Amino acid sequence: MQDTDTDPALRPEFLPGPPERPALPAIAKGMRGRCPSCGEGALFQGYLTLAKRCAHCDEDLSHARADDGPAYLSILLTAKVMGTLQLFTYDLLRPDPWVMAVSFSLGVVAMALFLLPRFKGLIVGVQWAKRMHGF
């Protein structure tokens, strides 16, 4: 019989953990604002507030930690798309500066607010699939 304290291969931190769950379905469910486990219950209580538990399958969602990731991704994609679109619009149409400023300001705000909960759902879906933070 081997002693588990002296044999590093038998220490609990080296034992394999539970298998990962399929990531793509969890990401798709999260981006739709649904529970990454069942896809039925709502992921959010409000605009960005995560539900504590899924109302359908009772999955504990309180472990999710999205932090600044969704905001970073939203800004990154919005800046790339709207910046490129702004360059093409100015080059092809030459609108007045106030038209460009107003229209692209509204577009940037709308796009960022649209993407923010979807990216938060994406990050929660990845965390659930990879069993991060206690999932």
N, C-alpha and C. Protein backbone atom coordinates (compact mmCIF):
# COMPACT_ATOMS: atom_id res chain seq x y z
N MET A 1 0.84 -1.17 0.00
CA MET A 1 0.00 0.00 0.00
C MET A 1 0.89 1.24 0.00
N GLN A 2 0.54 2.22 -0.84
CA GLN A 2 1.34 3.43 -0.97
C GLN A 2 0.80 4.53 -0.07
N ASP A 3 1.71 5.32 0.42
CA ASP A 3 1.33 6.46 1.26
C ASP A 3 1.02 7.65 0.35
N THR A 4 -0.19 8.21 0.44
CA THR A 4 -0.61 9.31 -0.43
C THR A 4 0.09 10.62 -0.10
N ASP A 5 0.66 10.75 1.08
CA ASP A 5 1.36 11.99 1.44
C ASP A 5 2.73 12.08 0.79
N THR A 6 3.37 10.94 0.55
CA THR A 6 4.72 10.97 0.00
C THR A 6 4.74 10.76 -1.51
N ASP A 7 3.75 10.10 -2.06
CA ASP A 7 3.72 9.86 -3.50
C ASP A 7 3.02 11.03 -4.19
N PRO A 8 3.75 11.86 -4.95
CA PRO A 8 3.14 13.05 -5.55
C PRO A 8 2.04 12.71 -6.56
N ALA A 9 2.10 11.53 -7.18
CA ALA A 9 1.09 11.18 -8.17
C ALA A 9 -0.28 10.92 -7.53
N LEU A 10 -0.31 10.67 -6.24
CA LEU A 10 -1.57 10.36 -5.57
C LEU A 10 -2.12 11.53 -4.74
N ARG A 11 -1.46 12.66 -4.76
CA ARG A 11 -1.95 13.82 -4.03
C ARG A 11 -3.22 14.34 -4.69
N PRO A 12 -4.16 14.84 -3.91
CA PRO A 12 -5.45 15.24 -4.47
C PRO A 12 -5.36 16.32 -5.55
N GLU A 13 -4.41 17.22 -5.46
CA GLU A 13 -4.32 18.28 -6.47
C GLU A 13 -3.87 17.77 -7.83
N PHE A 14 -3.33 16.55 -7.89
CA PHE A 14 -2.90 15.98 -9.15
C PHE A 14 -3.92 14.99 -9.72
N LEU A 15 -4.97 14.71 -8.99
CA LEU A 15 -5.99 13.81 -9.50
C LEU A 15 -6.83 14.54 -10.54
N PRO A 16 -7.28 13.85 -11.58
CA PRO A 16 -8.06 14.52 -12.62
C PRO A 16 -9.39 15.04 -12.07
N GLY A 17 -9.77 16.22 -12.52
CA GLY A 17 -11.04 16.81 -12.10
C GLY A 17 -12.17 16.31 -12.98
N PRO A 18 -13.35 16.83 -12.77
CA PRO A 18 -14.48 16.43 -13.59
C PRO A 18 -14.26 16.88 -15.04
N PRO A 19 -14.80 16.15 -16.00
CA PRO A 19 -14.58 16.52 -17.40
C PRO A 19 -15.27 17.83 -17.74
N GLU A 20 -14.71 18.51 -18.74
CA GLU A 20 -15.31 19.76 -19.20
C GLU A 20 -16.63 19.46 -19.91
N ARG A 21 -17.48 20.44 -19.93
CA ARG A 21 -18.74 20.33 -20.64
C ARG A 21 -18.55 20.90 -22.04
N PRO A 22 -19.45 20.60 -22.99
CA PRO A 22 -19.32 21.16 -24.34
C PRO A 22 -19.42 22.69 -24.31
N ALA A 23 -18.42 23.37 -24.84
CA ALA A 23 -18.35 24.83 -24.73
C ALA A 23 -19.26 25.55 -25.72
N LEU A 24 -19.30 25.12 -26.97
CA LEU A 24 -20.07 25.87 -27.98
C LEU A 24 -21.56 25.96 -27.66
N PRO A 25 -22.22 24.87 -27.25
CA PRO A 25 -23.63 25.03 -26.89
C PRO A 25 -23.82 25.95 -25.67
N ALA A 26 -22.92 25.87 -24.71
CA ALA A 26 -23.02 26.74 -23.53
C ALA A 26 -22.83 28.20 -23.91
N ILE A 27 -21.90 28.48 -24.81
CA ILE A 27 -21.67 29.85 -25.27
C ILE A 27 -22.89 30.36 -26.02
N ALA A 28 -23.45 29.53 -26.90
CA ALA A 28 -24.63 29.94 -27.66
C ALA A 28 -25.81 30.24 -26.73
N LYS A 29 -26.02 29.39 -25.75
CA LYS A 29 -27.10 29.63 -24.78
C LYS A 29 -26.86 30.90 -23.99
N GLY A 30 -25.62 31.10 -23.54
CA GLY A 30 -25.29 32.31 -22.79
C GLY A 30 -25.48 33.57 -23.59
N MET A 31 -25.10 33.54 -24.87
CA MET A 31 -25.25 34.73 -25.71
C MET A 31 -26.72 35.05 -26.00
N ARG A 32 -27.58 34.06 -25.89
CA ARG A 32 -29.02 34.30 -26.03
C ARG A 32 -29.66 34.74 -24.71
N GLY A 33 -28.85 34.81 -23.64
CA GLY A 33 -29.37 35.23 -22.35
C GLY A 33 -30.06 34.11 -21.60
N ARG A 34 -29.70 32.88 -21.92
CA ARG A 34 -30.31 31.70 -21.30
C ARG A 34 -29.28 30.97 -20.43
N CYS A 35 -29.76 30.16 -19.55
CA CYS A 35 -28.91 29.36 -18.67
C CYS A 35 -27.99 28.48 -19.52
N PRO A 36 -26.68 28.48 -19.25
CA PRO A 36 -25.77 27.65 -20.04
C PRO A 36 -25.97 26.15 -19.83
N SER A 37 -26.63 25.77 -18.77
CA SER A 37 -26.86 24.36 -18.50
C SER A 37 -28.05 23.81 -19.29
N CYS A 38 -29.20 24.44 -19.14
CA CYS A 38 -30.42 23.90 -19.76
C CYS A 38 -30.88 24.70 -20.98
N GLY A 39 -30.52 25.95 -21.06
CA GLY A 39 -30.95 26.77 -22.18
C GLY A 39 -32.37 27.28 -22.07
N GLU A 40 -33.02 27.02 -20.97
CA GLU A 40 -34.43 27.42 -20.79
C GLU A 40 -34.59 28.62 -19.87
N GLY A 41 -33.97 28.58 -18.72
CA GLY A 41 -34.11 29.65 -17.74
C GLY A 41 -33.35 30.90 -18.14
N ALA A 42 -33.77 32.04 -17.61
CA ALA A 42 -33.12 33.30 -17.91
C ALA A 42 -31.78 33.41 -17.18
N LEU A 43 -30.78 33.93 -17.88
CA LEU A 43 -29.46 34.13 -17.29
C LEU A 43 -29.40 35.42 -16.50
N PHE A 44 -30.17 36.41 -16.92
CA PHE A 44 -30.14 37.74 -16.30
C PHE A 44 -31.45 38.05 -15.59
N GLN A 45 -31.34 38.79 -14.49
CA GLN A 45 -32.51 39.31 -13.79
C GLN A 45 -32.92 40.65 -14.39
N GLY A 46 -31.96 41.40 -14.84
CA GLY A 46 -32.20 42.70 -15.45
C GLY A 46 -31.36 42.79 -16.71
N TYR A 47 -30.84 43.99 -16.96
CA TYR A 47 -30.03 44.19 -18.16
C TYR A 47 -28.70 43.43 -18.07
N LEU A 48 -27.99 43.55 -16.95
CA LEU A 48 -26.71 42.85 -16.77
C LEU A 48 -26.59 42.08 -15.47
N THR A 49 -27.60 42.13 -14.62
CA THR A 49 -27.54 41.45 -13.33
C THR A 49 -27.81 39.95 -13.53
N LEU A 50 -26.84 39.13 -13.16
CA LEU A 50 -27.01 37.69 -13.30
C LEU A 50 -28.00 37.16 -12.27
N ALA A 51 -28.79 36.20 -12.70
CA ALA A 51 -29.70 35.51 -11.78
C ALA A 51 -28.86 34.65 -10.84
N LYS A 52 -29.31 34.50 -9.62
CA LYS A 52 -28.58 33.66 -8.65
C LYS A 52 -28.68 32.18 -9.02
N ARG A 53 -29.86 31.78 -9.47
CA ARG A 53 -30.12 30.38 -9.86
C ARG A 53 -30.99 30.36 -11.10
N CYS A 54 -30.87 29.31 -11.86
CA CYS A 54 -31.75 29.13 -13.01
C CYS A 54 -33.12 28.73 -12.51
N ALA A 55 -34.14 29.38 -12.99
CA ALA A 55 -35.51 29.08 -12.56
C ALA A 55 -35.99 27.75 -13.12
N HIS A 56 -35.36 27.25 -14.16
CA HIS A 56 -35.81 26.01 -14.80
C HIS A 56 -35.09 24.77 -14.25
N CYS A 57 -33.75 24.80 -14.22
CA CYS A 57 -32.99 23.61 -13.80
C CYS A 57 -32.32 23.77 -12.44
N ASP A 58 -32.46 24.92 -11.81
CA ASP A 58 -31.91 25.21 -10.48
C ASP A 58 -30.38 25.20 -10.45
N GLU A 59 -29.74 25.45 -11.61
CA GLU A 59 -28.27 25.57 -11.65
C GLU A 59 -27.86 26.81 -10.89
N ASP A 60 -26.85 26.68 -10.04
CA ASP A 60 -26.34 27.81 -9.28
C ASP A 60 -25.47 28.67 -10.20
N LEU A 61 -25.92 29.89 -10.49
CA LEU A 61 -25.20 30.80 -11.39
C LEU A 61 -24.44 31.88 -10.63
N SER A 62 -24.46 31.80 -9.32
CA SER A 62 -23.83 32.85 -8.52
C SER A 62 -22.30 32.79 -8.58
N HIS A 63 -21.74 31.75 -9.16
CA HIS A 63 -20.29 31.61 -9.23
C HIS A 63 -19.66 32.43 -10.36
N ALA A 64 -20.47 32.88 -11.30
CA ALA A 64 -19.94 33.55 -12.50
C ALA A 64 -19.24 34.85 -12.13
N ARG A 65 -18.09 35.07 -12.75
CA ARG A 65 -17.31 36.28 -12.54
C ARG A 65 -16.87 36.81 -13.90
N ALA A 66 -17.69 37.66 -14.49
CA ALA A 66 -17.37 38.19 -15.82
C ALA A 66 -16.46 39.41 -15.72
N ASP A 67 -16.54 40.17 -14.63
CA ASP A 67 -15.71 41.35 -14.38
C ASP A 67 -15.75 42.32 -15.56
N ASP A 68 -14.57 42.72 -16.06
CA ASP A 68 -14.49 43.72 -17.13
C ASP A 68 -14.43 43.10 -18.53
N GLY A 69 -14.46 41.81 -18.63
CA GLY A 69 -14.35 41.14 -19.93
C GLY A 69 -15.40 41.56 -20.93
N PRO A 70 -16.69 41.56 -20.57
CA PRO A 70 -17.72 41.96 -21.54
C PRO A 70 -17.56 43.40 -22.02
N ALA A 71 -17.21 44.30 -21.13
CA ALA A 71 -17.03 45.69 -21.52
C ALA A 71 -15.85 45.82 -22.48
N TYR A 72 -14.76 45.14 -22.18
CA TYR A 72 -13.59 45.19 -23.04
C TYR A 72 -13.93 44.66 -24.44
N LEU A 73 -14.57 43.51 -24.51
CA LEU A 73 -14.93 42.93 -25.81
C LEU A 73 -15.91 43.81 -26.58
N SER A 74 -16.87 44.40 -25.88
CA SER A 74 -17.83 45.29 -26.53
C SER A 74 -17.14 46.51 -27.12
N ILE A 75 -16.26 47.12 -26.35
CA ILE A 75 -15.54 48.30 -26.84
C ILE A 75 -14.64 47.91 -28.01
N LEU A 76 -13.96 46.79 -27.91
CA LEU A 76 -13.05 46.35 -28.96
C LEU A 76 -13.79 46.16 -30.29
N LEU A 77 -14.89 45.42 -30.27
CA LEU A 77 -15.63 45.15 -31.50
C LEU A 77 -16.34 46.40 -32.02
N THR A 78 -16.93 47.17 -31.12
CA THR A 78 -17.62 48.39 -31.53
C THR A 78 -16.64 49.37 -32.17
N ALA A 79 -15.49 49.56 -31.58
CA ALA A 79 -14.51 50.50 -32.13
C ALA A 79 -14.01 50.04 -33.50
N LYS A 80 -13.77 48.76 -33.66
CA LYS A 80 -13.29 48.25 -34.94
C LYS A 80 -14.34 48.43 -36.03
N VAL A 81 -15.57 48.01 -35.75
CA VAL A 81 -16.63 48.08 -36.76
C VAL A 81 -17.00 49.52 -37.08
N MET A 82 -17.26 50.30 -36.04
CA MET A 82 -17.72 51.67 -36.28
C MET A 82 -16.59 52.56 -36.80
N GLY A 83 -15.37 52.34 -36.39
CA GLY A 83 -14.24 53.11 -36.92
C GLY A 83 -14.04 52.87 -38.40
N THR A 84 -14.10 51.60 -38.79
CA THR A 84 -13.97 51.25 -40.20
C THR A 84 -15.13 51.81 -41.01
N LEU A 85 -16.33 51.69 -40.49
CA LEU A 85 -17.51 52.22 -41.17
C LEU A 85 -17.44 53.74 -41.30
N GLN A 86 -16.91 54.38 -40.28
CA GLN A 86 -16.78 55.84 -40.32
C GLN A 86 -15.79 56.27 -41.41
N LEU A 87 -14.70 55.57 -41.55
CA LEU A 87 -13.74 55.90 -42.60
C LEU A 87 -14.34 55.74 -43.99
N PHE A 88 -15.04 54.63 -44.21
CA PHE A 88 -15.67 54.41 -45.52
C PHE A 88 -16.77 55.43 -45.79
N THR A 89 -17.56 55.75 -44.77
CA THR A 89 -18.64 56.74 -44.94
C THR A 89 -18.07 58.10 -45.32
N TYR A 90 -17.05 58.52 -44.64
CA TYR A 90 -16.46 59.83 -44.95
C TYR A 90 -15.83 59.83 -46.34
N ASP A 91 -15.15 58.75 -46.69
CA ASP A 91 -14.48 58.69 -47.98
C ASP A 91 -15.48 58.65 -49.15
N LEU A 92 -16.58 57.93 -48.99
CA LEU A 92 -17.53 57.78 -50.08
C LEU A 92 -18.58 58.88 -50.15
N LEU A 93 -19.08 59.34 -49.01
CA LEU A 93 -20.23 60.26 -48.99
C LEU A 93 -19.88 61.69 -48.62
N ARG A 94 -18.81 61.92 -47.89
CA ARG A 94 -18.40 63.25 -47.42
C ARG A 94 -19.54 64.03 -46.75
N PRO A 95 -20.19 63.42 -45.71
CA PRO A 95 -21.26 64.16 -45.03
C PRO A 95 -20.69 65.27 -44.16
N ASP A 96 -21.57 66.18 -43.71
CA ASP A 96 -21.15 67.26 -42.81
C ASP A 96 -20.62 66.65 -41.52
N PRO A 97 -19.67 67.33 -40.88
CA PRO A 97 -19.11 66.80 -39.63
C PRO A 97 -20.14 66.58 -38.54
N TRP A 98 -21.14 67.44 -38.41
CA TRP A 98 -22.14 67.25 -37.36
C TRP A 98 -23.00 66.03 -37.64
N VAL A 99 -23.25 65.72 -38.91
CA VAL A 99 -24.02 64.52 -39.26
C VAL A 99 -23.23 63.27 -38.88
N MET A 100 -21.95 63.29 -39.19
CA MET A 100 -21.09 62.16 -38.82
C MET A 100 -21.03 62.00 -37.30
N ALA A 101 -20.83 63.11 -36.59
CA ALA A 101 -20.69 63.04 -35.14
C ALA A 101 -21.96 62.50 -34.49
N VAL A 102 -23.11 63.02 -34.89
CA VAL A 102 -24.37 62.58 -34.27
C VAL A 102 -24.69 61.13 -34.64
N SER A 103 -24.60 60.81 -35.91
CA SER A 103 -24.99 59.47 -36.34
C SER A 103 -24.06 58.39 -35.78
N PHE A 104 -22.76 58.64 -35.80
CA PHE A 104 -21.85 57.62 -35.29
C PHE A 104 -21.84 57.56 -33.77
N SER A 105 -22.11 58.66 -33.11
CA SER A 105 -22.22 58.61 -31.64
C SER A 105 -23.39 57.74 -31.23
N LEU A 106 -24.53 57.93 -31.89
CA LEU A 106 -25.70 57.10 -31.60
C LEU A 106 -25.43 55.63 -31.96
N GLY A 107 -24.76 55.41 -33.09
CA GLY A 107 -24.46 54.05 -33.51
C GLY A 107 -23.53 53.33 -32.55
N VAL A 108 -22.52 54.05 -32.06
CA VAL A 108 -21.57 53.44 -31.13
C VAL A 108 -22.26 53.07 -29.82
N VAL A 109 -23.07 53.97 -29.30
CA VAL A 109 -23.79 53.69 -28.05
C VAL A 109 -24.74 52.51 -28.23
N ALA A 110 -25.49 52.50 -29.32
CA ALA A 110 -26.45 51.42 -29.57
C ALA A 110 -25.74 50.07 -29.72
N MET A 111 -24.65 50.06 -30.48
CA MET A 111 -23.94 48.80 -30.70
C MET A 111 -23.30 48.28 -29.41
N ALA A 112 -22.69 49.17 -28.64
CA ALA A 112 -22.06 48.74 -27.39
C ALA A 112 -23.10 48.20 -26.40
N LEU A 113 -24.23 48.89 -26.29
CA LEU A 113 -25.28 48.42 -25.37
C LEU A 113 -25.91 47.12 -25.85
N PHE A 114 -25.96 46.90 -27.15
CA PHE A 114 -26.48 45.65 -27.69
C PHE A 114 -25.52 44.49 -27.41
N LEU A 115 -24.23 44.74 -27.55
CA LEU A 115 -23.24 43.67 -27.40
C LEU A 115 -22.94 43.30 -25.95
N LEU A 116 -23.06 44.24 -25.05
CA LEU A 116 -22.64 44.03 -23.66
C LEU A 116 -23.27 42.80 -23.00
N PRO A 117 -24.60 42.64 -23.00
CA PRO A 117 -25.15 41.43 -22.35
C PRO A 117 -24.82 40.14 -23.11
N ARG A 118 -24.64 40.23 -24.43
CA ARG A 118 -24.30 39.03 -25.18
C ARG A 118 -22.89 38.55 -24.84
N PHE A 119 -21.96 39.49 -24.71
CA PHE A 119 -20.60 39.10 -24.32
C PHE A 119 -20.54 38.63 -22.88
N LYS A 120 -21.37 39.17 -22.02
CA LYS A 120 -21.41 38.68 -20.64
C LYS A 120 -21.93 37.25 -20.62
N GLY A 121 -22.96 36.96 -21.41
CA GLY A 121 -23.45 35.59 -21.53
C GLY A 121 -22.42 34.65 -22.10
N LEU A 122 -21.63 35.13 -23.06
CA LEU A 122 -20.55 34.33 -23.63
C LEU A 122 -19.55 33.94 -22.56
N ILE A 123 -19.13 34.90 -21.76
CA ILE A 123 -18.12 34.63 -20.72
C ILE A 123 -18.68 33.69 -19.66
N VAL A 124 -19.93 33.87 -19.27
CA VAL A 124 -20.54 32.96 -18.29
C VAL A 124 -20.65 31.55 -18.89
N GLY A 125 -20.99 31.45 -20.16
CA GLY A 125 -21.05 30.14 -20.82
C GLY A 125 -19.71 29.43 -20.83
N VAL A 126 -18.64 30.17 -21.11
CA VAL A 126 -17.29 29.57 -21.10
C VAL A 126 -16.94 29.12 -19.69
N GLN A 127 -17.22 29.96 -18.69
CA GLN A 127 -16.91 29.59 -17.31
C GLN A 127 -17.68 28.35 -16.89
N TRP A 128 -18.93 28.24 -17.28
CA TRP A 128 -19.74 27.07 -16.92
C TRP A 128 -19.19 25.82 -17.60
N ALA A 129 -18.84 25.94 -18.89
CA ALA A 129 -18.35 24.78 -19.64
C ALA A 129 -17.01 24.31 -19.11
N LYS A 130 -16.15 25.22 -18.71
CA LYS A 130 -14.82 24.85 -18.22
C LYS A 130 -14.79 24.60 -16.72
N ARG A 131 -15.95 24.67 -16.08
CA ARG A 131 -16.09 24.45 -14.64
C ARG A 131 -15.21 25.40 -13.82
N MET A 132 -15.18 26.65 -14.24
CA MET A 132 -14.38 27.66 -13.54
C MET A 132 -15.17 28.25 -12.38
N HIS A 133 -14.50 28.76 -11.39
CA HIS A 133 -15.08 29.49 -10.27
C HIS A 133 -16.16 28.72 -9.52
N GLY A 134 -16.07 27.42 -9.46
CA GLY A 134 -17.01 26.63 -8.66
C GLY A 134 -18.21 26.09 -9.41
N PHE A 135 -18.26 26.25 -10.71
CA PHE A 135 -19.40 25.69 -11.48
C PHE A 135 -19.32 24.19 -11.51
